[in-house]
Amino acid sequence: MKKSDCGAPKSFDSASIEPQLKQAAAQGLPAVNSWKPELSGDIDLRIDRQGQWYHESTRFERDALAKMFASILRKEGDDYFVLTPVEKWRIQVDDVPFLITEMELVNPGPEQQLEMKTSLGDQLCVGADHPLWLKTDSVSGEPTPYVRVRDQLDGLLSRPVFYQLVELAGEHEINGVPHFGVYSSGQFFCLEN
């Protein structure tokens, strides 16, 4: 009689889901928020503070693979998961999953928009759906800028993008108090804590 592996721990096989991910990527972002699989476990996938993906401490050499995994990424509370309709794997994220590497000012003036791009090619326009904010780093005391990329997934602005943003910023009065920040899509985003 053959021994059953019903009790064997599940393992994550990135090669087996790669064709599914390629197909999903060709159709746009999958509807991960509608998928309700049970937790399959933890896997040794990590996203560092610069948005680089690692599997078992080895950096992904192909950006296309990182893009595919980012397309099936979801945040729940403080935890991050990669999932399919039938599997859900918890991964490690050092800070936030995306790094903002490019910014372009569109239509300068009162109607200006700040368009941003992640290192994986996600594009967004800072506004109500993609707010911008600062947090103070608890260790260095320096301001750390973030933007919402999609759903509950955020991006850290790279240093060059943050400097570019600061150059565009100015003072705006709110309730009689001046605040330093920048406009995008008709909204003011404060760049001070």
C-alpha atoms as a PDB file:
ATOM      1  CA  MET A   1       0.000   0.000   0.000  1.00  0.00           C
ATOM      2  CA  LYS A   2       1.317   3.432  -0.927  1.00  0.00           C
ATOM      3  CA  LYS A   3       1.887   5.843   1.918  1.00  0.00           C
ATOM      4  CA  SER A   4      -0.439   8.865   1.731  1.00  0.00           C
ATOM      5  CA  ASP A   5       1.092  12.329   1.813  1.00  0.00           C
ATOM      6  CA  CYS A   6      -2.030  13.969   3.153  1.00  0.00           C
ATOM      7  CA  GLY A   7      -0.139  14.954   6.293  1.00  0.00           C
ATOM      8  CA  ALA A   8       2.944  16.217   4.475  1.00  0.00           C
ATOM      9  CA  PRO A   9       3.503  19.964   4.662  1.00  0.00           C
ATOM     10  CA  LYS A  10       2.638  21.885   1.560  1.00  0.00           C
ATOM     11  CA  SER A  11       5.484  23.513  -0.301  1.00  0.00           C
ATOM     12  CA  PHE A  12       5.556  26.479  -2.600  1.00  0.00           C
ATOM     13  CA  ASP A  13       6.621  25.758  -6.186  1.00  0.00           C
ATOM     14  CA  SER A  14       7.194  29.012  -8.085  1.00  0.00           C
ATOM     15  CA  ALA A  15       7.870  27.171 -11.371  1.00  0.00           C
ATOM     16  CA  SER A  16       4.462  25.504 -11.324  1.00  0.00           C
ATOM     17  CA  ILE A  17       2.544  28.772 -11.018  1.00  0.00           C
ATOM     18  CA  GLU A  18       4.682  30.819 -13.418  1.00  0.00           C
ATOM     19  CA  PRO A  19       2.520  29.949 -16.504  1.00  0.00           C
ATOM     20  CA  GLN A  20      -0.618  30.979 -14.579  1.00  0.00           C
ATOM     21  CA  LEU A  21       1.011  34.244 -13.533  1.00  0.00           C
ATOM     22  CA  LYS A  22       2.101  35.025 -17.093  1.00  0.00           C
ATOM     23  CA  GLN A  23      -1.451  34.503 -18.318  1.00  0.00           C
ATOM     24  CA  ALA A  24      -2.854  36.675 -15.505  1.00  0.00           C
ATOM     25  CA  ALA A  25      -0.292  39.427 -16.202  1.00  0.00           C
ATOM     26  CA  ALA A  26      -1.307  39.489 -19.862  1.00  0.00           C
ATOM     27  CA  GLN A  27      -4.905  40.149 -18.767  1.00  0.00           C
ATOM     28  CA  GLY A  28      -4.069  42.927 -16.298  1.00  0.00           C
ATOM     29  CA  LEU A  29      -3.953  42.654 -12.520  1.00  0.00           C
ATOM     30  CA  PRO A  30      -5.790  39.628 -11.086  1.00  0.00           C
ATOM     31  CA  ALA A  31      -8.709  40.239  -8.723  1.00  0.00           C
ATOM     32  CA  VAL A  32      -6.754  39.077  -5.654  1.00  0.00           C
ATOM     33  CA  ASN A  33      -9.159  40.775  -3.242  1.00  0.00           C
ATOM     34  CA  SER A  34     -11.951  38.445  -4.389  1.00  0.00           C
ATOM     35  CA  TRP A  35      -9.884  35.283  -3.770  1.00  0.00           C
ATOM     36  CA  LYS A  36     -10.509  33.564  -0.422  1.00  0.00           C
ATOM     37  CA  PRO A  37      -8.055  30.657  -0.098  1.00  0.00           C
ATOM     38  CA  GLU A  38      -7.033  29.280   3.296  1.00  0.00           C
ATOM     39  CA  LEU A  39      -3.521  30.055   4.518  1.00  0.00           C
ATOM     40  CA  SER A  40      -1.099  27.551   2.963  1.00  0.00           C
ATOM     41  CA  GLY A  41       1.793  28.599   5.201  1.00  0.00           C
ATOM     42  CA  ASP A  42       4.876  30.795   5.210  1.00  0.00           C
ATOM     43  CA  ILE A  43       7.403  30.829   2.375  1.00  0.00           C
ATOM     44  CA  ASP A  44      10.867  32.256   2.166  1.00  0.00           C
ATOM     45  CA  LEU A  45      10.008  35.188  -0.103  1.00  0.00           C
ATOM     46  CA  ARG A  46      11.144  38.626   1.027  1.00  0.00           C
ATOM     47  CA  ILE A  47      10.866  42.151  -0.369  1.00  0.00           C
ATOM     48  CA  ASP A  48      13.611  44.448   0.891  1.00  0.00           C
ATOM     49  CA  ARG A  49      13.319  48.196   1.505  1.00  0.00           C
ATOM     50  CA  GLN A  50      14.434  48.921  -2.076  1.00  0.00           C
ATOM     51  CA  GLY A  51      11.599  46.826  -3.551  1.00  0.00           C
ATOM     52  CA  GLN A  52      13.922  43.934  -4.455  1.00  0.00           C
ATOM     53  CA  TRP A  53      12.458  40.421  -4.267  1.00  0.00           C
ATOM     54  CA  TYR A  54      14.368  37.485  -2.749  1.00  0.00           C
ATOM     55  CA  HIS A  55      13.659  33.756  -2.589  1.00  0.00           C
ATOM     56  CA  GLU A  56      15.675  31.837  -0.001  1.00  0.00           C
ATOM     57  CA  SER A  57      18.030  34.864   0.315  1.00  0.00           C
ATOM     58  CA  THR A  58      18.740  34.918  -3.445  1.00  0.00           C
ATOM     59  CA  ARG A  59      17.667  38.034  -5.323  1.00  0.00           C
ATOM     60  CA  PHE A  60      15.270  37.494  -8.225  1.00  0.00           C
ATOM     61  CA  GLU A  61      17.365  37.909 -11.351  1.00  0.00           C
ATOM     62  CA  ARG A  62      14.374  38.425 -13.616  1.00  0.00           C
ATOM     63  CA  ASP A  63      12.253  41.526 -13.047  1.00  0.00           C
ATOM     64  CA  ALA A  64       9.424  39.801 -14.945  1.00  0.00           C
ATOM     65  CA  LEU A  65       9.171  37.209 -12.171  1.00  0.00           C
ATOM     66  CA  ALA A  66       9.059  39.919  -9.477  1.00  0.00           C
ATOM     67  CA  LYS A  67       6.349  41.712 -11.494  1.00  0.00           C
ATOM     68  CA  MET A  68       4.273  38.564 -11.675  1.00  0.00           C
ATOM     69  CA  PHE A  69       4.509  37.940  -7.929  1.00  0.00           C
ATOM     70  CA  ALA A  70       3.730  41.608  -7.211  1.00  0.00           C
ATOM     71  CA  SER A  71       0.546  41.202  -9.267  1.00  0.00           C
ATOM     72  CA  ILE A  72      -0.745  38.590  -6.787  1.00  0.00           C
ATOM     73  CA  LEU A  73       0.341  40.415  -3.633  1.00  0.00           C
ATOM     74  CA  ARG A  74      -2.160  41.335  -0.937  1.00  0.00           C
ATOM     75  CA  LYS A  75      -1.876  42.945   2.486  1.00  0.00           C
ATOM     76  CA  GLU A  76      -4.058  41.921   5.412  1.00  0.00           C
ATOM     77  CA  GLY A  77      -3.410  43.815   8.636  1.00  0.00           C
ATOM     78  CA  ASP A  78       0.367  43.921   8.989  1.00  0.00           C
ATOM     79  CA  ASP A  79       0.951  40.742   6.948  1.00  0.00           C
ATOM     80  CA  TYR A  80       1.648  40.331   3.240  1.00  0.00           C
ATOM     81  CA  PHE A  81       0.673  37.351   1.105  1.00  0.00           C
ATOM     82  CA  VAL A  82       1.118  36.062  -2.427  1.00  0.00           C
ATOM     83  CA  LEU A  83      -1.941  34.143  -3.460  1.00  0.00           C
ATOM     84  CA  THR A  84      -3.789  32.309  -6.157  1.00  0.00           C
ATOM     85  CA  PRO A  85      -7.463  31.344  -6.082  1.00  0.00           C
ATOM     86  CA  VAL A  86      -6.474  28.169  -4.161  1.00  0.00           C
ATOM     87  CA  GLU A  87      -3.252  29.056  -2.288  1.00  0.00           C
ATOM     88  CA  LYS A  88      -2.200  31.779   0.137  1.00  0.00           C
ATOM     89  CA  TRP A  89       1.429  32.156   1.283  1.00  0.00           C
ATOM     90  CA  ARG A  90       2.684  34.649   3.873  1.00  0.00           C
ATOM     91  CA  ILE A  91       5.868  36.485   2.851  1.00  0.00           C
ATOM     92  CA  GLN A  92       8.223  38.990   4.515  1.00  0.00           C
ATOM     93  CA  VAL A  93       8.262  42.672   3.585  1.00  0.00           C
ATOM     94  CA  ASP A  94      10.965  44.809   5.213  1.00  0.00           C
ATOM     95  CA  ASP A  95       9.035  48.090   4.874  1.00  0.00           C
ATOM     96  CA  VAL A  96       6.581  48.394   1.975  1.00  0.00           C
ATOM     97  CA  PRO A  97       6.507  46.307  -1.220  1.00  0.00           C
ATOM     98  CA  PHE A  98       7.169  48.998  -3.832  1.00  0.00           C
ATOM     99  CA  LEU A  99       9.865  51.579  -4.529  1.00  0.00           C
ATOM    100  CA  ILE A 100       8.908  54.736  -6.443  1.00  0.00           C
ATOM    101  CA  THR A 101      11.713  55.404  -8.909  1.00  0.00           C
ATOM    102  CA  GLU A 102      10.239  58.021 -11.265  1.00  0.00           C
ATOM    103  CA  MET A 103       8.041  61.099 -10.994  1.00  0.00           C
ATOM    104  CA  GLU A 104       6.750  63.444 -13.656  1.00  0.00           C
ATOM    105  CA  LEU A 105       4.938  66.740 -13.172  1.00  0.00           C
ATOM    106  CA  VAL A 106       1.998  66.942 -15.581  1.00  0.00           C
ATOM    107  CA  ASN A 107       0.152  70.203 -16.324  1.00  0.00           C
ATOM    108  CA  PRO A 108       2.103  72.475 -13.906  1.00  0.00           C
ATOM    109  CA  GLY A 109       0.002  74.984 -12.016  1.00  0.00           C
ATOM    110  CA  PRO A 110      -3.326  74.812 -10.177  1.00  0.00           C
ATOM    111  CA  GLU A 111      -4.404  71.619 -11.979  1.00  0.00           C
ATOM    112  CA  GLN A 112      -1.052  69.860 -11.743  1.00  0.00           C
ATOM    113  CA  GLN A 113      -0.700  66.118 -11.312  1.00  0.00           C
ATOM    114  CA  LEU A 114       2.208  64.114  -9.979  1.00  0.00           C
ATOM    115  CA  GLU A 115       2.565  60.896 -11.942  1.00  0.00           C
ATOM    116  CA  MET A 116       4.767  58.250 -10.371  1.00  0.00           C
ATOM    117  CA  LYS A 117       6.187  54.904 -11.412  1.00  0.00           C
ATOM    118  CA  THR A 118       7.485  51.986  -9.360  1.00  0.00           C
ATOM    119  CA  SER A 119      10.612  49.975 -10.065  1.00  0.00           C
ATOM    120  CA  LEU A 120       8.302  47.215 -11.354  1.00  0.00           C
ATOM    121  CA  GLY A 121       6.452  49.511 -13.769  1.00  0.00           C
ATOM    122  CA  ASP A 122       3.259  50.246 -11.814  1.00  0.00           C
ATOM    123  CA  GLN A 123       2.003  53.744 -12.658  1.00  0.00           C
ATOM    124  CA  LEU A 124      -0.132  56.024 -10.524  1.00  0.00           C
ATOM    125  CA  CYS A 125      -1.203  59.624 -10.183  1.00  0.00           C
ATOM    126  CA  VAL A 126      -1.015  61.108  -6.671  1.00  0.00           C
ATOM    127  CA  GLY A 127      -4.537  62.014  -5.557  1.00  0.00           C
ATOM    128  CA  ALA A 128      -7.466  60.720  -3.512  1.00  0.00           C
ATOM    129  CA  ASP A 129      -6.906  57.078  -4.544  1.00  0.00           C
ATOM    130  CA  HIS A 130      -3.125  57.371  -4.288  1.00  0.00           C
ATOM    131  CA  PRO A 131      -2.387  59.635  -1.296  1.00  0.00           C
ATOM    132  CA  LEU A 132       1.100  60.782  -0.353  1.00  0.00           C
ATOM    133  CA  TRP A 133       2.319  61.092   3.243  1.00  0.00           C
ATOM    134  CA  LEU A 134       5.413  61.230   5.470  1.00  0.00           C
ATOM    135  CA  LYS A 135       6.378  59.134   8.455  1.00  0.00           C
ATOM    136  CA  THR A 136       9.284  59.947  10.717  1.00  0.00           C
ATOM    137  CA  ASP A 137      11.850  57.161  10.878  1.00  0.00           C
ATOM    138  CA  SER A 138      12.010  56.044  14.517  1.00  0.00           C
ATOM    139  CA  VAL A 139      15.769  55.395  14.323  1.00  0.00           C
ATOM    140  CA  SER A 140      17.141  58.285  12.239  1.00  0.00           C
ATOM    141  CA  GLY A 141      14.403  60.851  12.889  1.00  0.00           C
ATOM    142  CA  GLU A 142      14.338  61.579   9.146  1.00  0.00           C
ATOM    143  CA  PRO A 143      11.108  61.963   7.189  1.00  0.00           C
ATOM    144  CA  THR A 144      10.208  58.948   5.069  1.00  0.00           C
ATOM    145  CA  PRO A 145       7.805  59.564   2.151  1.00  0.00           C
ATOM    146  CA  TYR A 146       5.217  57.021   0.991  1.00  0.00           C
ATOM    147  CA  VAL A 147       2.429  56.812  -1.569  1.00  0.00           C
ATOM    148  CA  ARG A 148      -0.415  54.330  -1.970  1.00  0.00           C
ATOM    149  CA  VAL A 149       0.214  52.245  -5.088  1.00  0.00           C
ATOM    150  CA  ARG A 150      -2.909  50.067  -5.095  1.00  0.00           C
ATOM    151  CA  ASP A 151      -5.342  48.512  -2.636  1.00  0.00           C
ATOM    152  CA  GLN A 152      -3.448  48.570   0.693  1.00  0.00           C
ATOM    153  CA  LEU A 153      -0.025  48.286  -0.953  1.00  0.00           C
ATOM    154  CA  ASP A 154       2.314  51.239  -0.550  1.00  0.00           C
ATOM    155  CA  GLY A 155       5.505  52.488  -2.149  1.00  0.00           C
ATOM    156  CA  LEU A 156       8.515  54.219  -0.644  1.00  0.00           C
ATOM    157  CA  LEU A 157       9.714  57.217  -2.642  1.00  0.00           C
ATOM    158  CA  SER A 158      13.350  56.819  -3.673  1.00  0.00           C
ATOM    159  CA  ARG A 159      15.654  59.598  -2.499  1.00  0.00           C
ATOM    160  CA  PRO A 160      15.889  61.244  -5.973  1.00  0.00           C
ATOM    161  CA  VAL A 161      12.089  61.265  -6.316  1.00  0.00           C
ATOM    162  CA  PHE A 162      11.702  62.732  -2.822  1.00  0.00           C
ATOM    163  CA  TYR A 163      14.188  65.519  -3.649  1.00  0.00           C
ATOM    164  CA  GLN A 164      12.274  66.203  -6.870  1.00  0.00           C
ATOM    165  CA  LEU A 165       9.053  66.380  -4.862  1.00  0.00           C
ATOM    166  CA  VAL A 166      10.538  68.782  -2.291  1.00  0.00           C
ATOM    167  CA  GLU A 167      11.655  71.106  -5.114  1.00  0.00           C
ATOM    168  CA  LEU A 168       8.004  71.358  -6.239  1.00  0.00           C
ATOM    169  CA  ALA A 169       6.639  71.939  -2.739  1.00  0.00           C
ATOM    170  CA  GLY A 170       5.618  75.213  -1.178  1.00  0.00           C
ATOM    171  CA  GLU A 171       3.639  76.683   1.705  1.00  0.00           C
ATOM    172  CA  HIS A 172      -0.140  76.456   1.887  1.00  0.00           C
ATOM    173  CA  GLU A 173      -2.307  77.848   4.658  1.00  0.00           C
ATOM    174  CA  ILE A 174      -4.704  75.460   6.414  1.00  0.00           C
ATOM    175  CA  ASN A 175      -6.927  77.010   9.111  1.00  0.00           C
ATOM    176  CA  GLY A 176      -4.577  79.987   9.268  1.00  0.00           C
ATOM    177  CA  VAL A 177      -1.493  77.830   9.782  1.00  0.00           C
ATOM    178  CA  PRO A 178       1.139  77.536   7.025  1.00  0.00           C
ATOM    179  CA  HIS A 179       2.038  73.988   5.938  1.00  0.00           C
ATOM    180  CA  PHE A 180       4.761  72.818   3.583  1.00  0.00           C
ATOM    181  CA  GLY A 181       3.575  70.439   0.864  1.00  0.00           C
ATOM    182  CA  VAL A 182       2.586  69.862  -2.722  1.00  0.00           C
ATOM    183  CA  TYR A 183      -0.573  69.772  -4.817  1.00  0.00           C
ATOM    184  CA  SER A 184      -1.636  66.936  -7.084  1.00  0.00           C
ATOM    185  CA  SER A 185      -5.042  66.199  -8.631  1.00  0.00           C
ATOM    186  CA  GLY A 186      -6.610  69.141  -6.781  1.00  0.00           C
ATOM    187  CA  GLN A 187      -5.472  67.983  -3.328  1.00  0.00           C
ATOM    188  CA  PHE A 188      -2.779  69.278  -0.985  1.00  0.00           C
ATOM    189  CA  PHE A 189      -0.355  66.733   0.477  1.00  0.00           C
ATOM    190  CA  CYS A 190       1.596  67.882   3.511  1.00  0.00           C
ATOM    191  CA  LEU A 191       5.329  67.132   3.519  1.00  0.00           C
ATOM    192  CA  GLU A 192       5.901  67.723   7.196  1.00  0.00           C
ATOM    193  CA  ASN A 193       4.967  65.865  10.356  1.00  0.00           C
END
